Amino acid sequence: MRAEAGFPAAVAALSNIKIETLIIAADPTLDGALGAEAAERITSLLPNGRLVTIPGARHAVHASKPREFARAVREFLES
């Protein structure tokens, strides 16, 4: 599959997602796929987006920091 750099079509569609959306990001100082700036940008484009960055988490956040990941999801669902 080929996509334009930065996935402009996907980014443009983010504003159409109206439900509350949780973005969980890995530690940007490690090997996170998004990086801090991109995670913040994506979250800002979501009308009801919430960003949680988990310190010390690697790319597979759920595997590297499972308790913290579960806590973030639980708190999001309970809010």
C-alpha atoms as a PDB file:
ATOM      1  CA  MET A   1       0.000   0.000   0.000  1.00  0.00           C
ATOM      2  CA  ARG A   2       1.155   3.497  -0.720  1.00  0.00           C
ATOM      3  CA  ALA A   3       0.223   6.612   1.173  1.00  0.00           C
ATOM      4  CA  GLU A   4       1.293  10.205   1.030  1.00  0.00           C
ATOM      5  CA  ALA A   5       3.724  11.256   3.725  1.00  0.00           C
ATOM      6  CA  GLY A   6       1.851  12.300   6.859  1.00  0.00           C
ATOM      7  CA  PHE A   7      -1.351  10.474   5.814  1.00  0.00           C
ATOM      8  CA  PRO A   8      -3.208  13.715   4.909  1.00  0.00           C
ATOM      9  CA  ALA A   9      -6.527  11.986   4.164  1.00  0.00           C
ATOM     10  CA  ALA A  10      -6.559  10.269   7.553  1.00  0.00           C
ATOM     11  CA  VAL A  11      -5.552  13.463   9.347  1.00  0.00           C
ATOM     12  CA  ALA A  12      -8.283  15.413   7.548  1.00  0.00           C
ATOM     13  CA  ALA A  13     -10.889  12.865   8.658  1.00  0.00           C
ATOM     14  CA  LEU A  14     -10.059  13.199  12.368  1.00  0.00           C
ATOM     15  CA  SER A  15     -12.340  16.199  12.844  1.00  0.00           C
ATOM     16  CA  ASN A  16     -15.267  13.980  11.800  1.00  0.00           C
ATOM     17  CA  ILE A  17     -14.810  11.694  14.813  1.00  0.00           C
ATOM     18  CA  LYS A  18     -17.247  13.171  17.318  1.00  0.00           C
ATOM     19  CA  ILE A  19     -17.146  10.547  20.080  1.00  0.00           C
ATOM     20  CA  GLU A  20     -14.718  10.773  22.973  1.00  0.00           C
ATOM     21  CA  THR A  21     -11.445   9.272  21.795  1.00  0.00           C
ATOM     22  CA  LEU A  22      -8.463   8.190  23.841  1.00  0.00           C
ATOM     23  CA  ILE A  23      -4.983   8.388  22.348  1.00  0.00           C
ATOM     24  CA  ILE A  24      -2.401   6.475  24.361  1.00  0.00           C
ATOM     25  CA  ALA A  25       1.146   7.367  23.425  1.00  0.00           C
ATOM     26  CA  ALA A  26       4.439   5.732  24.271  1.00  0.00           C
ATOM     27  CA  ASP A  27       7.244   7.654  25.920  1.00  0.00           C
ATOM     28  CA  PRO A  28       8.483   9.999  23.181  1.00  0.00           C
ATOM     29  CA  THR A  29      12.058   9.657  24.445  1.00  0.00           C
ATOM     30  CA  LEU A  30      11.957   5.942  23.646  1.00  0.00           C
ATOM     31  CA  ASP A  31      10.539   4.348  20.502  1.00  0.00           C
ATOM     32  CA  GLY A  32       7.002   5.710  20.261  1.00  0.00           C
ATOM     33  CA  ALA A  33       5.571   5.665  16.758  1.00  0.00           C
ATOM     34  CA  LEU A  34       4.016   9.134  16.914  1.00  0.00           C
ATOM     35  CA  GLY A  35       6.359  11.308  18.887  1.00  0.00           C
ATOM     36  CA  ALA A  36       5.113  13.984  21.281  1.00  0.00           C
ATOM     37  CA  GLU A  37       4.338  16.644  18.669  1.00  0.00           C
ATOM     38  CA  ALA A  38       2.382  14.306  16.400  1.00  0.00           C
ATOM     39  CA  ALA A  39       0.420  12.818  19.313  1.00  0.00           C
ATOM     40  CA  GLU A  40      -0.564  16.300  20.482  1.00  0.00           C
ATOM     41  CA  ARG A  41      -1.498  17.362  16.939  1.00  0.00           C
ATOM     42  CA  ILE A  42      -3.652  14.305  16.331  1.00  0.00           C
ATOM     43  CA  THR A  43      -5.387  14.756  19.671  1.00  0.00           C
ATOM     44  CA  SER A  44      -6.037  18.434  18.980  1.00  0.00           C
ATOM     45  CA  LEU A  45      -7.768  17.541  15.703  1.00  0.00           C
ATOM     46  CA  LEU A  46     -10.220  15.251  17.491  1.00  0.00           C
ATOM     47  CA  PRO A  47     -13.176  17.267  18.794  1.00  0.00           C
ATOM     48  CA  ASN A  48     -13.290  15.121  21.947  1.00  0.00           C
ATOM     49  CA  GLY A  49      -9.782  13.723  22.036  1.00  0.00           C
ATOM     50  CA  ARG A  50      -7.789  12.972  25.148  1.00  0.00           C
ATOM     51  CA  LEU A  51      -4.070  12.194  25.138  1.00  0.00           C
ATOM     52  CA  VAL A  52      -2.342  10.071  27.750  1.00  0.00           C
ATOM     53  CA  THR A  53       1.409   9.622  27.419  1.00  0.00           C
ATOM     54  CA  ILE A  54       2.801   6.805  29.525  1.00  0.00           C
ATOM     55  CA  PRO A  55       6.344   7.475  30.768  1.00  0.00           C
ATOM     56  CA  GLY A  56       8.707   4.574  30.222  1.00  0.00           C
ATOM     57  CA  ALA A  57       6.357   2.890  27.741  1.00  0.00           C
ATOM     58  CA  ARG A  58       7.733   1.614  24.482  1.00  0.00           C
ATOM     59  CA  HIS A  59       5.928   1.372  21.112  1.00  0.00           C
ATOM     60  CA  ALA A  60       3.748  -1.554  22.281  1.00  0.00           C
ATOM     61  CA  VAL A  61       2.422   0.404  25.263  1.00  0.00           C
ATOM     62  CA  HIS A  62       0.037  -2.347  26.354  1.00  0.00           C
ATOM     63  CA  ALA A  63       2.911  -4.838  26.507  1.00  0.00           C
ATOM     64  CA  SER A  64       5.607  -2.640  28.016  1.00  0.00           C
ATOM     65  CA  LYS A  65       3.442  -0.935  30.666  1.00  0.00           C
ATOM     66  CA  PRO A  66       0.293  -3.089  30.999  1.00  0.00           C
ATOM     67  CA  ARG A  67      -0.836  -1.744  34.379  1.00  0.00           C
ATOM     68  CA  GLU A  68      -0.456   1.868  33.312  1.00  0.00           C
ATOM     69  CA  PHE A  69      -2.185   1.121  30.009  1.00  0.00           C
ATOM     70  CA  ALA A  70      -5.109  -0.566  31.779  1.00  0.00           C
ATOM     71  CA  ARG A  71      -5.352   2.302  34.263  1.00  0.00           C
ATOM     72  CA  ALA A  72      -5.519   4.874  31.455  1.00  0.00           C
ATOM     73  CA  VAL A  73      -8.242   2.928  29.645  1.00  0.00           C
ATOM     74  CA  ARG A  74     -10.223   2.331  32.835  1.00  0.00           C
ATOM     75  CA  GLU A  75     -10.068   6.010  33.833  1.00  0.00           C
ATOM     76  CA  PHE A  76     -11.130   7.040  30.334  1.00  0.00           C
ATOM     77  CA  LEU A  77     -14.105   4.659  30.338  1.00  0.00           C
ATOM     78  CA  GLU A  78     -15.159   5.717  33.825  1.00  0.00           C
ATOM     79  CA  SER A  79     -15.040   9.440  33.039  1.00  0.00           C
END
